[in-house]
Structure formats: C-alpha cells, structure tokens
Amino acid sequence: MINESAISLKQLRALVAINEHGSLTAAAESLGLTPPAVSTQLKLLEENLGTRLVMRGNDGKTSLTTAGQEVLRSTQQIESTLTNCYEKVKSIRLGKVGYIAIGVVSTGKYFAPRLVAGFQRANPEIQVGLRIGNREEIISQVMDGAVDVAIMGRPPRAPVVTAEILGPHPHVIIAPPGHRLATGRDVSPDDLLEETFLTREPGSGTRILMERLLDRLGEGRPYKTVSVGTNETIKQAVMAELGIAFISGHTVAHELEDGRLVQIKAPGVPITRQWFLMHRRDMPLTAVTEKFRQFIVEQKGSYLPKLPE
C-alpha cells in the first residue's frame, strides 16, 4: 500500500542524486549529506511506495528499477514545476507580474487611460483595473481597500493616506464663443452671479470647489445652478448656450484649443489645485503597486492635458 502523505521532496531528491551519480557515496557528496542519511531517505521512499526502486550490481553501482524510473520521471516534472513556480513568485516579488486596481476621479478620465496604457506597454505581464467615479465614490473605494491607489485632487481626511503630487490641476470658467462675459477682462462678481452655472452632481470635487468660489465672490449671494451630471454633458450644454460652467481645465483643453469654448476671466480664476497619487497609509504597497507609483511619478505630469495660452 502506498503511503503518499509520507513521501517528501528530500526522499525524491535522494533518488535523483543516486541515479545521477551511480552510488550512495557519490549521491551523498552531491547533496552534502552522509551516505547513511541518503540510504535512509531511499529506504523511506521505497517503504512509502511499497516497492523496490534501486538495484545494486556486483560492481557496487546502482541502477533504477522500472518503478524507480517512473518515480524519477515524475520527480523531474515536480522539480520543473517548482522551478517555474519559484520564477513566478520572484516576478511577483519584483513587481514584474500581478494585478493593480487604480481608482480615478471622473475628471481624471481625460488622461488616466493614456497613462495606464503607457504603464501596460512597459509592463505587459501586469494587469490593471481602472475604476472611475466621483470624489466620494473613490474615497469610499480607498477606504474599503477596493483600489490599491487613487488619482484625485485634495487628499481626504479619512482614511489616512500617503499622497504624492503629480502635477497642477487648473479649474476655469467656460462659456460659448461670443458670450457677453467673454471679454478677455475680469468680470465683476455681480455679472458672474447673474449667470446659470451648469455643474456636476453633489459629491463632485469640482462642484465643491465651484461653490466655495461663488460663495466667496458673492459673499453669500444666491446663484442659480443646474446639475447636469457629467463633464461631457456640461461641455455640450455650455456650447448649446444653456449656461456657463466652472470646470476642470483638463476636461476642456481640446475645446478651448479649437475655439468651441472660451474662458471667462474672473477674480481668482483660474484656480489651480494639484493632482495627487495616494494610497492608504496602513496598507503597505505591493511590488506591483510600487512599480506603478514609480512609473507615474517619473512622468512628472507630462501626460496631463495642456491648456492653450
């Protein structure tokens, strides 16, 4: 009866060494063991398999039985599988393979896919999950550990994170070409607050920044807002002359460049914040996450859209 649970790598490797070197003494020397130790491992293996594995000739040399040759082939396959496993583990440890989940606030979708594509070209064995959401949603995913790192604006107070600056993030007021406030000069707060502001949903970082700006400029004066939902819808609505908008400059760089939208100048605008790469401080970075961190930091913000002068 075969006692498979008692078979060990040490026993199998003793058989391999005996086959390679032709004697117990030579096998023991190659393994750094004594001949009695190798003999014991062979004896245990034969007992566990219930059959003779090695024959000893009159000349003192050893050879494998038919059963021994089968065990040898299987052992070689085991060693090959283990070597492959070791290499894979080494690659994971060095950050060459693996998976990373990246959370990005909605405004970042205008550059994050290009950034991720560049990372994957440089690291084809690493899989990337890209999750887009508003500020509250991304903070929740960071808190829950659903993403390894996040790209967003102002770091949250909770959870406690480690944050690195990636580059400037300007916010501008946009209007359709020919708008009455598109004079090239700073407009007054009174004129500005007479307009209807098209804005994102509650929880959006851009909306929070807009409300702070308008509350400061108007000193508490009420103003009209219409929640539109997405940056793309806001851009289309502004071009359709449904209102003006305070928006991330990185979402409208192309439209400003080709003249489909124009900037309105107002006191304190543009407002420039920063993009941050962050992760929970109590969750150490994996090798894969550290590789992504190094990749994005080394880009020095070159992937960020450029606003026209």
Protein backbone atom coordinates (compact mmCIF):
# COMPACT_ATOMS: atom_id res chain seq x y z
CA MET A 1 0.00 0.00 0.00
CA ILE A 2 1.37 3.41 -0.98
CA ASN A 3 1.73 5.95 1.86
CA GLU A 4 1.68 9.04 -0.36
CA SER A 5 1.32 11.53 2.50
CA ALA A 6 4.71 10.46 3.88
CA ILE A 7 6.63 10.99 0.63
CA SER A 8 8.86 14.06 0.78
CA LEU A 9 10.99 16.09 -1.61
CA LYS A 10 14.06 15.03 0.38
CA GLN A 11 13.33 11.37 -0.38
CA LEU A 12 12.68 12.04 -4.09
CA ARG A 13 15.83 14.13 -4.44
CA ALA A 14 17.87 11.34 -2.88
CA LEU A 15 16.63 9.02 -5.65
CA VAL A 16 17.53 11.59 -8.32
CA ALA A 17 21.03 12.00 -6.90
CA ILE A 18 21.59 8.23 -6.75
CA ASN A 19 20.56 7.91 -10.39
CA GLU A 20 22.79 10.81 -11.49
CA HIS A 21 25.91 9.72 -9.60
CA GLY A 22 25.62 5.93 -9.63
CA SER A 23 26.31 5.26 -5.94
CA LEU A 24 25.16 6.21 -2.47
CA THR A 25 28.53 7.72 -1.62
CA ALA A 26 28.64 9.99 -4.66
CA ALA A 27 24.99 10.92 -4.21
CA ALA A 28 25.59 11.82 -0.58
CA GLU A 29 28.55 14.02 -1.52
CA SER A 30 26.48 15.91 -4.11
CA LEU A 31 23.72 16.52 -1.58
CA GLY A 32 26.02 17.47 1.26
CA LEU A 33 24.80 14.51 3.32
CA THR A 34 26.32 11.33 4.73
CA PRO A 35 25.84 8.00 2.89
CA PRO A 36 23.72 6.61 5.79
CA ALA A 37 21.42 9.66 5.54
CA VAL A 38 20.89 9.13 1.81
CA SER A 39 20.36 5.42 2.37
CA THR A 40 17.70 6.24 4.98
CA GLN A 41 15.85 8.59 2.60
CA LEU A 42 15.87 5.92 -0.12
CA LYS A 43 14.64 3.27 2.30
CA LEU A 44 11.78 5.53 3.47
CA LEU A 45 10.79 6.25 -0.14
CA GLU A 46 10.72 2.57 -1.04
CA GLU A 47 8.68 1.79 2.08
CA ASN A 48 6.22 4.59 1.31
CA LEU A 49 5.77 3.38 -2.28
CA GLY A 50 5.77 -0.30 -1.33
CA THR A 51 8.30 -1.35 -3.96
CA ARG A 52 11.99 -1.57 -4.79
CA LEU A 53 13.32 1.47 -6.64
CA VAL A 54 17.09 0.86 -6.82
CA MET A 55 19.12 -2.23 -7.70
CA ARG A 56 22.76 -2.66 -6.69
CA GLY A 57 25.02 -4.52 -9.07
CA ASN A 58 28.03 -6.72 -8.26
CA ASP A 59 30.30 -3.82 -9.18
CA GLY A 60 28.70 -1.69 -6.44
CA LYS A 61 26.97 0.61 -8.90
CA THR A 62 23.28 1.31 -8.67
CA SER A 63 20.53 1.40 -11.28
CA LEU A 64 16.82 2.13 -11.15
CA THR A 65 14.10 -0.47 -11.39
CA THR A 66 11.17 0.12 -13.73
CA ALA A 67 9.25 1.64 -10.81
CA GLY A 68 12.27 3.74 -9.92
CA GLN A 69 12.46 5.13 -13.46
CA GLU A 70 8.79 6.14 -13.28
CA VAL A 71 9.34 7.88 -9.96
CA LEU A 72 12.38 9.61 -11.47
CA ARG A 73 10.34 10.98 -14.39
CA SER A 74 7.65 12.24 -12.06
CA THR A 75 10.24 13.82 -9.78
CA GLN A 76 11.78 15.66 -12.72
CA GLN A 77 8.34 17.01 -13.60
CA ILE A 78 7.85 18.10 -9.99
CA GLU A 79 11.20 19.89 -9.97
CA SER A 80 10.37 21.61 -13.25
CA THR A 81 7.00 22.76 -11.89
CA LEU A 82 8.65 24.03 -8.71
CA THR A 83 11.30 25.93 -10.69
CA ASN A 84 8.55 27.57 -12.72
CA CYS A 85 6.72 28.41 -9.50
CA TYR A 86 9.84 29.96 -7.99
CA GLU A 87 10.34 32.14 -11.06
CA LYS A 88 6.74 33.32 -10.95
CA VAL A 89 6.97 34.13 -7.25
CA LYS A 90 10.20 36.00 -7.91
CA SER A 91 8.49 38.00 -10.66
CA ILE A 92 5.60 38.84 -8.34
CA ARG A 93 8.02 39.88 -5.62
CA LEU A 94 9.89 42.12 -8.06
CA GLY A 95 6.67 43.60 -9.45
CA LYS A 96 7.00 42.05 -12.91
CA VAL A 97 3.60 40.33 -12.84
CA GLY A 98 0.43 40.82 -10.86
CA TYR A 99 -2.67 42.99 -10.66
CA ILE A 100 -3.31 46.56 -9.56
CA ALA A 101 -6.64 48.34 -9.09
CA ILE A 102 -6.48 52.09 -9.76
CA GLY A 103 -9.24 54.49 -8.73
CA VAL A 104 -9.56 57.76 -10.65
CA VAL A 105 -12.00 60.62 -10.11
CA SER A 106 -14.19 61.35 -13.11
CA THR A 107 -12.15 64.35 -14.24
CA GLY A 108 -9.07 62.15 -14.48
CA LYS A 109 -10.59 60.00 -17.22
CA TYR A 110 -9.26 62.54 -19.72
CA PHE A 111 -5.69 61.40 -19.11
CA ALA A 112 -5.78 58.23 -16.95
CA PRO A 113 -6.43 55.75 -19.80
CA ARG A 114 -3.40 57.05 -21.71
CA LEU A 115 -1.31 56.82 -18.55
CA VAL A 116 -2.44 53.25 -17.86
CA ALA A 117 -1.78 52.26 -21.49
CA GLY A 118 1.78 53.53 -21.20
CA PHE A 119 2.29 51.56 -18.00
CA GLN A 120 0.95 48.37 -19.56
CA ARG A 121 3.18 48.74 -22.63
CA ALA A 122 6.14 48.90 -20.27
CA ASN A 123 4.81 46.07 -18.07
CA PRO A 124 2.77 43.70 -20.27
CA GLU A 125 2.55 40.98 -17.59
CA ILE A 126 0.80 43.30 -15.10
CA GLN A 127 -2.99 43.53 -15.27
CA VAL A 128 -4.63 46.86 -14.44
CA GLY A 129 -8.18 47.52 -13.27
CA LEU A 130 -9.28 51.14 -13.83
CA ARG A 131 -12.23 52.38 -11.77
CA ILE A 132 -13.78 55.79 -12.46
CA GLY A 133 -16.08 57.61 -10.02
CA ASN A 134 -16.74 60.91 -8.32
CA ARG A 135 -14.71 62.02 -5.33
CA GLU A 136 -16.95 60.38 -2.72
CA GLU A 137 -17.02 57.09 -4.61
CA ILE A 138 -13.23 56.93 -4.99
CA ILE A 139 -12.64 57.83 -1.34
CA SER A 140 -15.05 55.04 -0.38
CA GLN A 141 -13.11 52.58 -2.55
CA VAL A 142 -9.82 53.68 -0.97
CA MET A 143 -11.35 53.25 2.48
CA ASP A 144 -12.68 49.78 1.64
CA GLY A 145 -9.41 48.65 0.06
CA ALA A 146 -11.18 48.14 -3.27
CA VAL A 147 -8.41 50.07 -5.05
CA ASP A 148 -4.67 49.94 -4.40
CA VAL A 149 -4.00 53.56 -5.36
CA ALA A 150 -6.14 56.53 -6.35
CA ILE A 151 -5.63 59.60 -8.52
CA MET A 152 -7.62 62.57 -7.33
CA GLY A 153 -7.44 66.12 -6.05
CA ARG A 154 -7.31 67.15 -2.40
CA PRO A 155 -6.48 64.12 -0.19
CA PRO A 156 -9.29 63.02 2.14
CA ARG A 157 -9.10 63.37 5.90
CA ALA A 158 -10.17 59.76 6.30
CA PRO A 159 -8.83 57.25 5.64
CA VAL A 160 -5.34 58.50 6.41
CA VAL A 161 -3.38 58.35 3.17
CA THR A 162 0.09 58.89 1.79
CA ALA A 163 -0.19 61.38 -1.08
CA GLU A 164 2.29 62.50 -3.72
CA ILE A 165 1.81 65.48 -6.02
CA LEU A 166 1.58 64.53 -9.69
CA GLY A 167 1.07 67.94 -11.29
CA PRO A 168 -1.08 71.10 -11.44
CA HIS A 169 -4.83 70.88 -11.96
CA PRO A 170 -6.32 74.19 -13.17
CA HIS A 171 -10.04 74.96 -12.95
CA VAL A 172 -11.61 77.53 -15.26
CA ILE A 173 -14.96 79.13 -16.08
CA ILE A 174 -16.12 78.34 -19.60
CA ALA A 175 -18.71 79.83 -21.90
CA PRO A 176 -19.70 79.54 -25.58
CA PRO A 177 -17.88 81.77 -28.08
CA GLY A 178 -19.39 85.27 -28.23
CA HIS A 179 -20.79 85.11 -24.69
CA ARG A 180 -21.35 88.53 -23.12
CA LEU A 181 -18.79 87.84 -20.38
CA ALA A 182 -16.10 86.59 -22.77
CA THR A 183 -14.42 90.00 -22.92
CA GLY A 184 -10.87 88.98 -22.09
CA ARG A 185 -11.07 91.09 -18.94
CA ASP A 186 -12.03 90.17 -15.38
CA VAL A 187 -15.79 90.28 -14.96
CA SER A 188 -17.45 91.54 -11.80
CA PRO A 189 -18.90 89.14 -9.24
CA ASP A 190 -22.34 90.68 -9.85
CA ASP A 191 -22.22 89.92 -13.57
CA LEU A 192 -20.90 86.44 -12.91
CA LEU A 193 -23.60 85.51 -10.42
CA GLU A 194 -26.35 86.55 -12.80
CA GLU A 195 -25.47 83.53 -14.94
CA THR A 196 -26.77 80.00 -14.63
CA PHE A 197 -23.99 77.60 -13.64
CA LEU A 198 -24.08 74.09 -15.07
CA THR A 199 -22.48 71.78 -12.54
CA ARG A 200 -21.73 68.22 -11.55
CA GLU A 201 -23.68 66.17 -9.03
CA PRO A 202 -23.27 66.61 -5.25
CA GLY A 203 -20.12 64.84 -4.09
CA SER A 204 -18.06 66.04 -7.03
CA GLY A 205 -14.80 67.71 -6.05
CA THR A 206 -15.21 70.26 -8.86
CA ARG A 207 -18.67 71.23 -7.60
CA ILE A 208 -17.35 71.69 -4.06
CA LEU A 209 -14.60 73.98 -5.39
CA MET A 210 -17.12 75.95 -7.51
CA GLU A 211 -19.45 76.50 -4.55
CA ARG A 212 -16.60 77.80 -2.43
CA LEU A 213 -15.55 80.21 -5.21
CA LEU A 214 -19.04 81.59 -5.84
CA ASP A 215 -19.84 81.88 -2.13
CA ARG A 216 -16.66 83.89 -1.69
CA LEU A 217 -17.19 86.13 -4.72
CA GLY A 218 -20.87 86.72 -3.99
CA GLU A 219 -20.43 86.98 -0.22
CA GLY A 220 -23.34 84.62 0.31
CA ARG A 221 -25.50 85.94 -2.53
CA PRO A 222 -27.66 83.19 -4.07
CA TYR A 223 -26.96 81.98 -7.60
CA LYS A 224 -28.64 79.58 -9.97
CA THR A 225 -27.20 76.13 -10.67
CA VAL A 226 -28.38 73.23 -12.77
CA SER A 227 -26.97 69.76 -12.10
CA VAL A 228 -26.07 68.22 -15.45
CA GLY A 229 -24.20 65.09 -14.39
CA THR A 230 -21.08 64.53 -16.45
CA ASN A 231 -18.30 66.74 -17.76
CA GLU A 232 -19.13 65.76 -21.33
CA THR A 233 -22.77 66.79 -20.90
CA ILE A 234 -21.70 70.04 -19.25
CA LYS A 235 -19.45 70.88 -22.21
CA GLN A 236 -22.22 70.20 -24.70
CA ALA A 237 -24.74 72.19 -22.66
CA VAL A 238 -22.41 75.19 -22.46
CA MET A 239 -21.83 75.07 -26.23
CA ALA A 240 -25.62 75.00 -26.62
CA GLU A 241 -25.75 78.24 -24.56
CA LEU A 242 -27.72 76.73 -21.67
CA GLY A 243 -25.37 78.34 -19.15
CA ILE A 244 -21.73 78.67 -18.15
CA ALA A 245 -19.65 76.29 -16.04
CA PHE A 246 -16.80 76.09 -13.61
CA ILE A 247 -14.88 73.03 -14.72
CA SER A 248 -11.51 71.27 -14.71
CA GLY A 249 -9.31 72.77 -17.41
CA HIS A 250 -8.11 69.27 -18.25
CA THR A 251 -11.60 68.30 -19.41
CA VAL A 252 -11.90 71.19 -21.91
CA ALA A 253 -8.33 71.63 -23.22
CA HIS A 254 -9.24 70.48 -26.75
CA GLU A 255 -12.43 72.56 -26.93
CA LEU A 256 -10.57 75.67 -25.80
CA GLU A 257 -7.81 74.98 -28.32
CA ASP A 258 -10.17 74.75 -31.29
CA GLY A 259 -12.42 77.62 -30.18
CA ARG A 260 -15.59 75.68 -29.40
CA LEU A 261 -15.40 77.05 -25.84
CA VAL A 262 -13.82 80.16 -24.33
CA GLN A 263 -12.61 81.07 -20.87
CA ILE A 264 -14.26 83.72 -18.74
CA LYS A 265 -11.86 85.71 -16.61
CA ALA A 266 -12.92 86.39 -13.04
CA PRO A 267 -11.11 87.36 -9.83
CA GLY A 268 -9.13 84.39 -8.54
CA VAL A 269 -9.76 82.27 -11.65
CA PRO A 270 -8.21 80.00 -12.86
CA ILE A 271 -7.96 78.16 -9.56
CA THR A 272 -5.05 75.76 -9.62
CA ARG A 273 -5.10 72.74 -7.40
CA GLN A 274 -2.92 69.64 -7.62
CA TRP A 275 -3.39 66.09 -8.79
CA PHE A 276 -2.33 63.52 -6.20
CA LEU A 277 -1.48 59.84 -6.25
CA MET A 278 -2.50 58.35 -2.92
CA HIS A 279 -2.89 55.10 -1.04
CA ARG A 280 -3.90 54.09 2.43
CA ARG A 281 -1.04 54.61 4.84
CA ASP A 282 -1.89 51.46 6.79
CA MET A 283 -1.70 49.26 3.67
CA PRO A 284 1.92 48.73 2.51
CA LEU A 285 2.44 48.92 -1.25
CA THR A 286 2.88 45.66 -3.11
CA ALA A 287 5.78 45.37 -5.54
CA VAL A 288 3.36 45.89 -8.45
CA THR A 289 1.82 48.98 -6.86
CA GLU A 290 5.26 50.41 -6.11
CA LYS A 291 6.25 49.87 -9.74
CA PHE A 292 3.17 51.84 -10.87
CA ARG A 293 3.94 54.57 -8.35
CA GLN A 294 7.47 54.92 -9.67
CA PHE A 295 6.23 54.91 -13.27
CA ILE A 296 3.69 57.68 -12.76
CA VAL A 297 5.96 59.86 -10.62
CA GLU A 298 8.74 59.63 -13.21
CA GLN A 299 6.34 61.03 -15.86
CA LYS A 300 6.36 64.38 -13.97
CA GLY A 301 2.88 65.26 -15.18
CA SER A 302 3.78 65.01 -18.90
CA TYR A 303 0.54 63.09 -19.54
CA LEU A 304 -1.67 65.97 -18.29
CA PRO A 305 -3.59 67.94 -20.96
CA LYS A 306 -2.18 71.39 -21.73
CA LEU A 307 -4.40 74.48 -21.73
CA PRO A 308 -3.92 76.99 -24.57
CA GLU A 309 -2.08 80.16 -23.61
